[in-house]
């Protein structure tokens, strides 16, 4: 059964406005018109109709505040909290995603068309960053295989390549050119069988609401058994391709980042261990689970592969 979770936007918007103006200083006097102008720039929430996740693993969710205030989004900043402020004027509607490569018909779909075509469901997933922290997030979206079925890739399509929007006017770090933190646009990829796996997810929301800009609005990838950098944000282009895509972090530092990026506690990052992780909100570390706890579901994808070589 689908449900509609209706967000009361006024209290959250007022909270954000209050927090912003407090930063201006205790003596700042703010007019009602100034507050109204700020509220107009805050991200608007819309009702999302989706099938809720039964949460069979009984995972305990991180709070919305934790998941939305501790992020990696280099297009805005390398700081974990800075994207929250820097992204608030990001325009996410309308937003078209181009679809191309080895498919039946190249085309472009607006995010609302994705929702109308494929429907929405909730997926409560573990999320593990290569940096050693983790969280549990209730994403809202649809499995990627639904989109691939619609696109009808041909026999040459062995991989799916994803690209983040390139817009220096929107993303401050992109505007730095050769002085940017990483090369843009951000690129990621999956093998076709990985992309078609039922766990691979396209998200447009979380916690019953539309994605916030700092969380990859308006549409992003979520691959729960891989390190978080594979779950590319703010998608502009999805292509079915014949050759393995060179993903951004692999190009940036091939000795530290591979194409697969499967969560593996037995293979350390050159600069830190992956055997343990820190769940946001917890003081002590916990053991990292093979494939981030999804070993039963995805281990067969890598049967016979040396996971130290294909890391």
C-alpha atoms as a PDB file:
ATOM      1  CA  UNK A   1       0.000   0.000   0.000  1.00  0.00           C
ATOM      2  CA  UNK A   2       1.298   3.425  -0.886  1.00  0.00           C
ATOM      3  CA  UNK A   3       1.163   6.195   1.642  1.00  0.00           C
ATOM      4  CA  UNK A   4       1.523   9.940   1.479  1.00  0.00           C
ATOM      5  CA  UNK A   5       3.644  11.522   4.147  1.00  0.00           C
ATOM      6  CA  UNK A   6       2.759  15.193   4.258  1.00  0.00           C
ATOM      7  CA  UNK A   7       5.518  17.443   5.514  1.00  0.00           C
ATOM      8  CA  UNK A   8       4.589  20.543   7.489  1.00  0.00           C
ATOM      9  CA  UNK A   9       7.073  22.892   5.860  1.00  0.00           C
ATOM     10  CA  UNK A  10       6.502  26.027   7.915  1.00  0.00           C
ATOM     11  CA  UNK A  11       8.183  24.996  11.198  1.00  0.00           C
ATOM     12  CA  UNK A  12      11.286  23.617   9.440  1.00  0.00           C
ATOM     13  CA  UNK A  13      11.541  26.633   7.175  1.00  0.00           C
ATOM     14  CA  UNK A  14      11.205  29.022  10.095  1.00  0.00           C
ATOM     15  CA  UNK A  15      13.823  27.049  11.986  1.00  0.00           C
ATOM     16  CA  UNK A  16      16.243  27.366   9.086  1.00  0.00           C
ATOM     17  CA  UNK A  17      15.490  31.075   8.772  1.00  0.00           C
ATOM     18  CA  UNK A  18      16.033  31.625  12.478  1.00  0.00           C
ATOM     19  CA  UNK A  19      19.325  29.718  12.379  1.00  0.00           C
ATOM     20  CA  UNK A  20      20.499  31.792   9.436  1.00  0.00           C
ATOM     21  CA  UNK A  21      19.692  35.129  11.028  1.00  0.00           C
ATOM     22  CA  UNK A  22      21.230  34.143  14.341  1.00  0.00           C
ATOM     23  CA  UNK A  23      24.499  33.727  12.472  1.00  0.00           C
ATOM     24  CA  UNK A  24      24.286  37.409  11.526  1.00  0.00           C
ATOM     25  CA  UNK A  25      24.803  38.357  15.150  1.00  0.00           C
ATOM     26  CA  UNK A  26      22.752  38.785  18.291  1.00  0.00           C
ATOM     27  CA  UNK A  27      22.145  42.466  17.549  1.00  0.00           C
ATOM     28  CA  UNK A  28      20.831  42.019  14.036  1.00  0.00           C
ATOM     29  CA  UNK A  29      17.333  43.387  13.475  1.00  0.00           C
ATOM     30  CA  UNK A  30      15.406  41.458  10.839  1.00  0.00           C
ATOM     31  CA  UNK A  31      12.276  42.660   9.110  1.00  0.00           C
ATOM     32  CA  UNK A  32       9.343  40.415   8.256  1.00  0.00           C
ATOM     33  CA  UNK A  33       9.996  41.042   4.560  1.00  0.00           C
ATOM     34  CA  UNK A  34      13.576  39.797   4.941  1.00  0.00           C
ATOM     35  CA  UNK A  35      12.310  36.589   6.550  1.00  0.00           C
ATOM     36  CA  UNK A  36       9.805  36.164   3.718  1.00  0.00           C
ATOM     37  CA  UNK A  37      12.563  36.568   1.131  1.00  0.00           C
ATOM     38  CA  UNK A  38      14.683  33.949   2.874  1.00  0.00           C
ATOM     39  CA  UNK A  39      11.781  31.510   3.109  1.00  0.00           C
ATOM     40  CA  UNK A  40      11.260  31.875  -0.626  1.00  0.00           C
ATOM     41  CA  UNK A  41      14.822  30.644  -1.176  1.00  0.00           C
ATOM     42  CA  UNK A  42      14.579  27.645   1.153  1.00  0.00           C
ATOM     43  CA  UNK A  43      14.028  24.241  -0.492  1.00  0.00           C
ATOM     44  CA  UNK A  44      10.342  23.493  -0.816  1.00  0.00           C
ATOM     45  CA  UNK A  45       9.099  20.106   0.294  1.00  0.00           C
ATOM     46  CA  UNK A  46       6.443  18.222  -1.618  1.00  0.00           C
ATOM     47  CA  UNK A  47       4.260  15.276  -0.759  1.00  0.00           C
ATOM     48  CA  UNK A  48       5.813  11.965  -1.767  1.00  0.00           C
ATOM     49  CA  UNK A  49       3.600   8.963  -2.373  1.00  0.00           C
ATOM     50  CA  UNK A  50       5.591   5.801  -1.844  1.00  0.00           C
ATOM     51  CA  UNK A  51       5.517   2.253  -0.586  1.00  0.00           C
ATOM     52  CA  UNK A  52       7.157   2.114   2.866  1.00  0.00           C
ATOM     53  CA  UNK A  53       9.997  -0.280   3.630  1.00  0.00           C
ATOM     54  CA  UNK A  54       9.067  -3.027   6.093  1.00  0.00           C
ATOM     55  CA  UNK A  55      12.669  -2.838   7.396  1.00  0.00           C
ATOM     56  CA  UNK A  56      13.111  -6.614   7.806  1.00  0.00           C
ATOM     57  CA  UNK A  57      16.655  -6.151   9.174  1.00  0.00           C
ATOM     58  CA  UNK A  58      15.271  -3.879  11.916  1.00  0.00           C
ATOM     59  CA  UNK A  59      17.874  -1.218  11.205  1.00  0.00           C
ATOM     60  CA  UNK A  60      17.889   1.835  13.463  1.00  0.00           C
ATOM     61  CA  UNK A  61      17.747   5.010  11.421  1.00  0.00           C
ATOM     62  CA  UNK A  62      20.046   7.937  11.889  1.00  0.00           C
ATOM     63  CA  UNK A  63      18.228  11.199  12.433  1.00  0.00           C
ATOM     64  CA  UNK A  64      17.331  13.482   9.562  1.00  0.00           C
ATOM     65  CA  UNK A  65      19.575  16.130  11.113  1.00  0.00           C
ATOM     66  CA  UNK A  66      22.580  13.786  11.120  1.00  0.00           C
ATOM     67  CA  UNK A  67      22.064  12.638   7.547  1.00  0.00           C
ATOM     68  CA  UNK A  68      21.453  16.117   6.166  1.00  0.00           C
ATOM     69  CA  UNK A  69      24.206  17.999   8.008  1.00  0.00           C
ATOM     70  CA  UNK A  70      27.200  15.660   7.633  1.00  0.00           C
ATOM     71  CA  UNK A  71      27.817  15.170   3.929  1.00  0.00           C
ATOM     72  CA  UNK A  72      30.440  14.846   1.215  1.00  0.00           C
ATOM     73  CA  UNK A  73      29.605  17.044  -1.763  1.00  0.00           C
ATOM     74  CA  UNK A  74      32.850  18.362  -3.187  1.00  0.00           C
ATOM     75  CA  UNK A  75      31.089  20.446  -5.822  1.00  0.00           C
ATOM     76  CA  UNK A  76      30.198  22.775  -2.954  1.00  0.00           C
ATOM     77  CA  UNK A  77      33.019  22.183  -0.467  1.00  0.00           C
ATOM     78  CA  UNK A  78      35.325  19.541   1.000  1.00  0.00           C
ATOM     79  CA  UNK A  79      34.013  20.474   4.443  1.00  0.00           C
ATOM     80  CA  UNK A  80      31.299  18.190   5.820  1.00  0.00           C
ATOM     81  CA  UNK A  81      28.970  20.965   6.964  1.00  0.00           C
ATOM     82  CA  UNK A  82      29.617  23.765   4.457  1.00  0.00           C
ATOM     83  CA  UNK A  83      27.439  22.314   1.636  1.00  0.00           C
ATOM     84  CA  UNK A  84      24.373  22.800   3.835  1.00  0.00           C
ATOM     85  CA  UNK A  85      24.671  26.582   3.554  1.00  0.00           C
ATOM     86  CA  UNK A  86      26.361  26.791   0.166  1.00  0.00           C
ATOM     87  CA  UNK A  87      23.689  24.702  -1.577  1.00  0.00           C
ATOM     88  CA  UNK A  88      20.537  26.402  -0.336  1.00  0.00           C
ATOM     89  CA  UNK A  89      19.994  28.467  -3.490  1.00  0.00           C
ATOM     90  CA  UNK A  90      20.579  25.504  -5.785  1.00  0.00           C
ATOM     91  CA  UNK A  91      17.782  25.365  -8.353  1.00  0.00           C
ATOM     92  CA  UNK A  92      16.539  21.788  -8.664  1.00  0.00           C
ATOM     93  CA  UNK A  93      13.234  22.283 -10.462  1.00  0.00           C
ATOM     94  CA  UNK A  94      12.949  21.810 -13.370  1.00  0.00           C
ATOM     95  CA  UNK A  95      15.765  19.284 -13.742  1.00  0.00           C
ATOM     96  CA  UNK A  96      16.270  17.081 -16.780  1.00  0.00           C
ATOM     97  CA  UNK A  97      18.438  13.969 -16.934  1.00  0.00           C
ATOM     98  CA  UNK A  98      19.786  12.987 -20.336  1.00  0.00           C
ATOM     99  CA  UNK A  99      19.682   9.284 -21.187  1.00  0.00           C
ATOM    100  CA  UNK A 100      21.897   7.960 -23.940  1.00  0.00           C
ATOM    101  CA  UNK A 101      24.497   5.514 -25.185  1.00  0.00           C
ATOM    102  CA  UNK A 102      23.693   1.980 -26.253  1.00  0.00           C
ATOM    103  CA  UNK A 103      19.930   2.218 -25.750  1.00  0.00           C
ATOM    104  CA  UNK A 104      16.899   2.034 -28.000  1.00  0.00           C
ATOM    105  CA  UNK A 105      16.118   5.759 -27.990  1.00  0.00           C
ATOM    106  CA  UNK A 106      18.213   8.598 -26.583  1.00  0.00           C
ATOM    107  CA  UNK A 107      16.031  11.002 -24.650  1.00  0.00           C
ATOM    108  CA  UNK A 108      15.721  13.362 -21.715  1.00  0.00           C
ATOM    109  CA  UNK A 109      13.381  13.022 -18.739  1.00  0.00           C
ATOM    110  CA  UNK A 110      12.449  15.509 -16.051  1.00  0.00           C
ATOM    111  CA  UNK A 111      12.602  14.255 -12.471  1.00  0.00           C
ATOM    112  CA  UNK A 112       8.814  14.413 -12.262  1.00  0.00           C
ATOM    113  CA  UNK A 113       8.610  12.147 -15.309  1.00  0.00           C
ATOM    114  CA  UNK A 114      10.848   9.591 -13.575  1.00  0.00           C
ATOM    115  CA  UNK A 115       8.480   9.588 -10.618  1.00  0.00           C
ATOM    116  CA  UNK A 116       5.391   9.250 -12.798  1.00  0.00           C
ATOM    117  CA  UNK A 117       6.868   6.404 -14.878  1.00  0.00           C
ATOM    118  CA  UNK A 118       8.476   4.275 -12.175  1.00  0.00           C
ATOM    119  CA  UNK A 119       6.653   5.105  -8.944  1.00  0.00           C
ATOM    120  CA  UNK A 120       8.307   5.468  -5.564  1.00  0.00           C
ATOM    121  CA  UNK A 121       9.235   3.150  -2.734  1.00  0.00           C
ATOM    122  CA  UNK A 122      11.240   3.467   0.447  1.00  0.00           C
ATOM    123  CA  UNK A 123      14.524   1.635   0.980  1.00  0.00           C
ATOM    124  CA  UNK A 124      16.156   1.700   4.408  1.00  0.00           C
ATOM    125  CA  UNK A 125      19.843   1.137   3.668  1.00  0.00           C
ATOM    126  CA  UNK A 126      23.132   1.177   5.479  1.00  0.00           C
ATOM    127  CA  UNK A 127      25.423   3.843   4.028  1.00  0.00           C
ATOM    128  CA  UNK A 128      29.198   3.435   4.473  1.00  0.00           C
ATOM    129  CA  UNK A 129      31.774   6.080   3.574  1.00  0.00           C
ATOM    130  CA  UNK A 130      35.307   5.103   2.544  1.00  0.00           C
ATOM    131  CA  UNK A 131      36.468   7.548   5.232  1.00  0.00           C
ATOM    132  CA  UNK A 132      35.252   5.170   7.926  1.00  0.00           C
ATOM    133  CA  UNK A 133      31.914   6.637   9.017  1.00  0.00           C
ATOM    134  CA  UNK A 134      28.462   5.232   8.386  1.00  0.00           C
ATOM    135  CA  UNK A 135      24.749   5.919   8.806  1.00  0.00           C
ATOM    136  CA  UNK A 136      21.363   4.329   8.116  1.00  0.00           C
ATOM    137  CA  UNK A 137      19.098   6.286   5.766  1.00  0.00           C
ATOM    138  CA  UNK A 138      15.509   5.768   4.529  1.00  0.00           C
ATOM    139  CA  UNK A 139      15.797   6.650   0.840  1.00  0.00           C
ATOM    140  CA  UNK A 140      12.806   7.147  -1.455  1.00  0.00           C
ATOM    141  CA  UNK A 141      12.983   6.360  -5.152  1.00  0.00           C
ATOM    142  CA  UNK A 142      12.923   3.376  -7.495  1.00  0.00           C
ATOM    143  CA  UNK A 143      15.255   0.493  -8.437  1.00  0.00           C
ATOM    144  CA  UNK A 144      17.536   1.332 -11.342  1.00  0.00           C
ATOM    145  CA  UNK A 145      16.532  -1.807 -13.262  1.00  0.00           C
ATOM    146  CA  UNK A 146      13.120  -0.215 -13.910  1.00  0.00           C
ATOM    147  CA  UNK A 147      14.796   2.610 -15.800  1.00  0.00           C
ATOM    148  CA  UNK A 148      17.069   0.194 -17.666  1.00  0.00           C
ATOM    149  CA  UNK A 149      14.101  -1.943 -18.701  1.00  0.00           C
ATOM    150  CA  UNK A 150      12.461   1.198 -20.064  1.00  0.00           C
ATOM    151  CA  UNK A 151      15.624   2.265 -21.939  1.00  0.00           C
ATOM    152  CA  UNK A 152      16.174  -1.179 -23.524  1.00  0.00           C
ATOM    153  CA  UNK A 153      19.993  -1.308 -23.670  1.00  0.00           C
ATOM    154  CA  UNK A 154      21.379  -3.272 -26.604  1.00  0.00           C
ATOM    155  CA  UNK A 155      23.929  -6.096 -26.493  1.00  0.00           C
ATOM    156  CA  UNK A 156      26.852  -3.643 -26.559  1.00  0.00           C
ATOM    157  CA  UNK A 157      25.846  -2.135 -23.224  1.00  0.00           C
ATOM    158  CA  UNK A 158      28.120  -3.699 -20.600  1.00  0.00           C
ATOM    159  CA  UNK A 159      28.241  -0.800 -18.119  1.00  0.00           C
ATOM    160  CA  UNK A 160      26.198   2.151 -16.933  1.00  0.00           C
ATOM    161  CA  UNK A 161      27.970   5.493 -16.676  1.00  0.00           C
ATOM    162  CA  UNK A 162      26.657   8.319 -14.478  1.00  0.00           C
ATOM    163  CA  UNK A 163      27.631  11.999 -14.604  1.00  0.00           C
ATOM    164  CA  UNK A 164      26.850  14.817 -12.179  1.00  0.00           C
ATOM    165  CA  UNK A 165      25.690  18.140 -13.550  1.00  0.00           C
ATOM    166  CA  UNK A 166      28.470  20.517 -14.551  1.00  0.00           C
ATOM    167  CA  UNK A 167      27.421  24.079 -13.722  1.00  0.00           C
ATOM    168  CA  UNK A 168      30.111  26.356 -12.235  1.00  0.00           C
ATOM    169  CA  UNK A 169      27.466  28.995 -11.497  1.00  0.00           C
ATOM    170  CA  UNK A 170      25.705  26.482  -9.247  1.00  0.00           C
ATOM    171  CA  UNK A 171      28.684  24.609  -7.797  1.00  0.00           C
ATOM    172  CA  UNK A 172      31.398  26.814  -6.218  1.00  0.00           C
ATOM    173  CA  UNK A 173      34.214  24.268  -6.420  1.00  0.00           C
ATOM    174  CA  UNK A 174      33.614  23.705 -10.124  1.00  0.00           C
ATOM    175  CA  UNK A 175      34.086  27.443 -10.617  1.00  0.00           C
ATOM    176  CA  UNK A 176      37.662  27.199  -9.284  1.00  0.00           C
ATOM    177  CA  UNK A 177      38.858  25.567 -12.491  1.00  0.00           C
ATOM    178  CA  UNK A 178      42.357  24.100 -12.127  1.00  0.00           C
ATOM    179  CA  UNK A 179      42.286  24.947  -8.425  1.00  0.00           C
ATOM    180  CA  UNK A 180      39.216  22.790  -7.733  1.00  0.00           C
ATOM    181  CA  UNK A 181      39.399  19.924  -5.232  1.00  0.00           C
ATOM    182  CA  UNK A 182      38.810  17.250  -7.899  1.00  0.00           C
ATOM    183  CA  UNK A 183      38.244  17.014 -11.637  1.00  0.00           C
ATOM    184  CA  UNK A 184      34.712  17.764 -12.846  1.00  0.00           C
ATOM    185  CA  UNK A 185      32.181  16.733 -13.863  1.00  0.00           C
ATOM    186  CA  UNK A 186      32.000  13.897 -11.349  1.00  0.00           C
ATOM    187  CA  UNK A 187      31.706  10.489 -13.036  1.00  0.00           C
ATOM    188  CA  UNK A 188      30.768   7.059 -11.712  1.00  0.00           C
ATOM    189  CA  UNK A 189      29.970   3.682 -13.204  1.00  0.00           C
ATOM    190  CA  UNK A 190      28.566   0.228 -12.565  1.00  0.00           C
ATOM    191  CA  UNK A 191      28.813  -3.051 -14.371  1.00  0.00           C
ATOM    192  CA  UNK A 192      25.478  -3.840 -16.014  1.00  0.00           C
ATOM    193  CA  UNK A 193      24.689  -6.715 -13.642  1.00  0.00           C
ATOM    194  CA  UNK A 194      25.444  -4.443 -10.675  1.00  0.00           C
ATOM    195  CA  UNK A 195      23.198  -1.754 -12.128  1.00  0.00           C
ATOM    196  CA  UNK A 196      20.385  -4.259 -12.625  1.00  0.00           C
ATOM    197  CA  UNK A 197      20.664  -5.678  -9.115  1.00  0.00           C
ATOM    198  CA  UNK A 198      17.414  -5.098  -7.159  1.00  0.00           C
ATOM    199  CA  UNK A 199      19.285  -3.208  -4.413  1.00  0.00           C
ATOM    200  CA  UNK A 200      20.661  -0.560  -6.800  1.00  0.00           C
ATOM    201  CA  UNK A 201      18.482   2.481  -6.337  1.00  0.00           C
ATOM    202  CA  UNK A 202      17.733   5.879  -7.837  1.00  0.00           C
ATOM    203  CA  UNK A 203      16.692   8.227  -5.027  1.00  0.00           C
ATOM    204  CA  UNK A 204      14.681  11.433  -5.227  1.00  0.00           C
ATOM    205  CA  UNK A 205      13.910  11.691  -1.522  1.00  0.00           C
ATOM    206  CA  UNK A 206      14.767  10.638   2.029  1.00  0.00           C
ATOM    207  CA  UNK A 207      12.917  10.689   5.338  1.00  0.00           C
ATOM    208  CA  UNK A 208       9.608  11.140   3.526  1.00  0.00           C
ATOM    209  CA  UNK A 209      10.749  14.345   1.805  1.00  0.00           C
ATOM    210  CA  UNK A 210      12.419  15.443  -1.387  1.00  0.00           C
ATOM    211  CA  UNK A 211      16.196  15.304  -1.311  1.00  0.00           C
ATOM    212  CA  UNK A 212      17.828  18.432   0.032  1.00  0.00           C
ATOM    213  CA  UNK A 213      20.492  20.034  -2.175  1.00  0.00           C
ATOM    214  CA  UNK A 214      23.354  18.943   0.097  1.00  0.00           C
ATOM    215  CA  UNK A 215      22.131  15.332  -0.144  1.00  0.00           C
ATOM    216  CA  UNK A 216      22.272  15.228  -3.936  1.00  0.00           C
ATOM    217  CA  UNK A 217      19.007  16.808  -5.030  1.00  0.00           C
ATOM    218  CA  UNK A 218      17.027  16.312  -7.027  1.00  0.00           C
ATOM    219  CA  UNK A 219      18.076  12.809  -8.141  1.00  0.00           C
ATOM    220  CA  UNK A 220      20.991  10.568  -7.204  1.00  0.00           C
ATOM    221  CA  UNK A 221      22.262   6.993  -7.200  1.00  0.00           C
ATOM    222  CA  UNK A 222      22.417   4.790  -4.082  1.00  0.00           C
ATOM    223  CA  UNK A 223      24.404   1.531  -4.132  1.00  0.00           C
ATOM    224  CA  UNK A 224      24.319   0.264  -0.527  1.00  0.00           C
ATOM    225  CA  UNK A 225      27.028  -2.408  -0.692  1.00  0.00           C
ATOM    226  CA  UNK A 226      29.634   0.025  -2.074  1.00  0.00           C
ATOM    227  CA  UNK A 227      31.451   2.927  -0.461  1.00  0.00           C
ATOM    228  CA  UNK A 228      29.471   6.136  -0.565  1.00  0.00           C
ATOM    229  CA  UNK A 229      31.465   7.850  -3.306  1.00  0.00           C
ATOM    230  CA  UNK A 230      29.883   5.414  -5.791  1.00  0.00           C
ATOM    231  CA  UNK A 231      26.445   6.852  -4.944  1.00  0.00           C
ATOM    232  CA  UNK A 232      26.795   9.841  -7.257  1.00  0.00           C
ATOM    233  CA  UNK A 233      24.709  12.963  -6.594  1.00  0.00           C
ATOM    234  CA  UNK A 234      22.721  15.459  -8.714  1.00  0.00           C
ATOM    235  CA  UNK A 235      22.631  13.348 -11.852  1.00  0.00           C
ATOM    236  CA  UNK A 236      22.505  14.987 -15.265  1.00  0.00           C
ATOM    237  CA  UNK A 237      23.504  12.133 -17.576  1.00  0.00           C
ATOM    238  CA  UNK A 238      23.017   8.348 -17.520  1.00  0.00           C
ATOM    239  CA  UNK A 239      24.577   6.336 -20.345  1.00  0.00           C
ATOM    240  CA  UNK A 240      24.723   2.655 -21.182  1.00  0.00           C
ATOM    241  CA  UNK A 241      28.224   2.070 -22.538  1.00  0.00           C
ATOM    242  CA  UNK A 242      30.436  -0.732 -23.807  1.00  0.00           C
ATOM    243  CA  UNK A 243      33.658   0.064 -21.916  1.00  0.00           C
ATOM    244  CA  UNK A 244      34.268   0.373 -18.192  1.00  0.00           C
ATOM    245  CA  UNK A 245      33.908   4.059 -17.225  1.00  0.00           C
ATOM    246  CA  UNK A 246      36.861   5.747 -15.555  1.00  0.00           C
ATOM    247  CA  UNK A 247      35.247   6.979 -12.367  1.00  0.00           C
ATOM    248  CA  UNK A 248      36.402  10.247 -10.837  1.00  0.00           C
ATOM    249  CA  UNK A 249      38.212   8.931  -7.765  1.00  0.00           C
ATOM    250  CA  UNK A 250      39.925   6.173  -9.711  1.00  0.00           C
ATOM    251  CA  UNK A 251      41.239   8.814 -12.110  1.00  0.00           C
ATOM    252  CA  UNK A 252      42.153  11.084  -9.215  1.00  0.00           C
ATOM    253  CA  UNK A 253      44.165   8.469  -7.307  1.00  0.00           C
ATOM    254  CA  UNK A 254      44.183   4.956  -8.823  1.00  0.00           C
ATOM    255  CA  UNK A 255      46.381   3.553  -6.031  1.00  0.00           C
ATOM    256  CA  UNK A 256      43.729   4.376  -3.441  1.00  0.00           C
ATOM    257  CA  UNK A 257      40.422   4.032  -5.321  1.00  0.00           C
ATOM    258  CA  UNK A 258      39.272   1.313  -7.676  1.00  0.00           C
ATOM    259  CA  UNK A 259      36.287   0.910  -9.960  1.00  0.00           C
ATOM    260  CA  UNK A 260      34.303  -1.449  -7.748  1.00  0.00           C
ATOM    261  CA  UNK A 261      34.630   0.200  -4.312  1.00  0.00           C
ATOM    262  CA  UNK A 262      32.850  -2.667  -2.559  1.00  0.00           C
ATOM    263  CA  UNK A 263      32.789  -2.346   1.219  1.00  0.00           C
ATOM    264  CA  UNK A 264      35.393  -4.862   2.385  1.00  0.00           C
ATOM    265  CA  UNK A 265      36.747  -4.885   5.956  1.00  0.00           C
ATOM    266  CA  UNK A 266      39.656  -7.080   4.829  1.00  0.00           C
ATOM    267  CA  UNK A 267      41.022  -4.531   2.341  1.00  0.00           C
ATOM    268  CA  UNK A 268      42.262  -1.340   3.969  1.00  0.00           C
ATOM    269  CA  UNK A 269      42.497   2.026   2.331  1.00  0.00           C
ATOM    270  CA  UNK A 270      46.211   2.922   2.086  1.00  0.00           C
ATOM    271  CA  UNK A 271      45.737   5.653   4.679  1.00  0.00           C
ATOM    272  CA  UNK A 272      43.266   4.056   7.098  1.00  0.00           C
ATOM    273  CA  UNK A 273      41.749   0.762   8.140  1.00  0.00           C
ATOM    274  CA  UNK A 274      38.362  -0.381   6.876  1.00  0.00           C
ATOM    275  CA  UNK A 275      37.906  -3.044   9.565  1.00  0.00           C
ATOM    276  CA  UNK A 276      35.958  -0.662  11.805  1.00  0.00           C
ATOM    277  CA  UNK A 277      33.464   2.137  11.224  1.00  0.00           C
ATOM    278  CA  UNK A 278      31.905   4.922  13.253  1.00  0.00           C
ATOM    279  CA  UNK A 279      28.137   5.102  13.043  1.00  0.00           C
ATOM    280  CA  UNK A 280      27.141   8.754  13.199  1.00  0.00           C
ATOM    281  CA  UNK A 281      25.839   9.514  16.675  1.00  0.00           C
ATOM    282  CA  UNK A 282      27.881   6.770  18.350  1.00  0.00           C
ATOM    283  CA  UNK A 283      31.104   7.319  20.316  1.00  0.00           C
ATOM    284  CA  UNK A 284      32.498   3.822  19.853  1.00  0.00           C
ATOM    285  CA  UNK A 285      33.337   2.090  16.590  1.00  0.00           C
ATOM    286  CA  UNK A 286      31.717  -1.077  15.297  1.00  0.00           C
ATOM    287  CA  UNK A 287      32.877  -3.842  12.983  1.00  0.00           C
ATOM    288  CA  UNK A 288      32.532  -3.186   9.279  1.00  0.00           C
ATOM    289  CA  UNK A 289      30.367  -5.800   7.573  1.00  0.00           C
ATOM    290  CA  UNK A 290      31.388  -7.447   4.313  1.00  0.00           C
ATOM    291  CA  UNK A 291      29.581  -5.719   1.441  1.00  0.00           C
ATOM    292  CA  UNK A 292      28.190  -3.383   4.114  1.00  0.00           C
ATOM    293  CA  UNK A 293      25.889  -6.124   5.392  1.00  0.00           C
ATOM    294  CA  UNK A 294      24.542  -7.146   1.985  1.00  0.00           C
ATOM    295  CA  UNK A 295      26.842 -10.128   1.414  1.00  0.00           C
ATOM    296  CA  UNK A 296      23.979 -12.590   1.041  1.00  0.00           C
ATOM    297  CA  UNK A 297      22.405 -10.492  -1.693  1.00  0.00           C
ATOM    298  CA  UNK A 298      25.441  -9.443  -3.768  1.00  0.00           C
ATOM    299  CA  UNK A 299      28.394 -11.800  -3.159  1.00  0.00           C
ATOM    300  CA  UNK A 300      27.469 -13.879  -6.221  1.00  0.00           C
ATOM    301  CA  UNK A 301      28.173 -10.857  -8.446  1.00  0.00           C
ATOM    302  CA  UNK A 302      31.891 -11.236  -7.645  1.00  0.00           C
ATOM    303  CA  UNK A 303      32.292 -15.000  -7.559  1.00  0.00           C
ATOM    304  CA  UNK A 304      35.807 -15.949  -8.629  1.00  0.00           C
ATOM    305  CA  UNK A 305      37.121 -12.378  -8.526  1.00  0.00           C
ATOM    306  CA  UNK A 306      40.156 -11.391  -6.465  1.00  0.00           C
ATOM    307  CA  UNK A 307      38.608  -8.625  -4.371  1.00  0.00           C
ATOM    308  CA  UNK A 308      42.061  -7.284  -3.452  1.00  0.00           C
ATOM    309  CA  UNK A 309      42.832  -6.755  -7.110  1.00  0.00           C
ATOM    310  CA  UNK A 310      39.373  -5.573  -8.090  1.00  0.00           C
ATOM    311  CA  UNK A 311      38.925  -3.203  -5.173  1.00  0.00           C
END
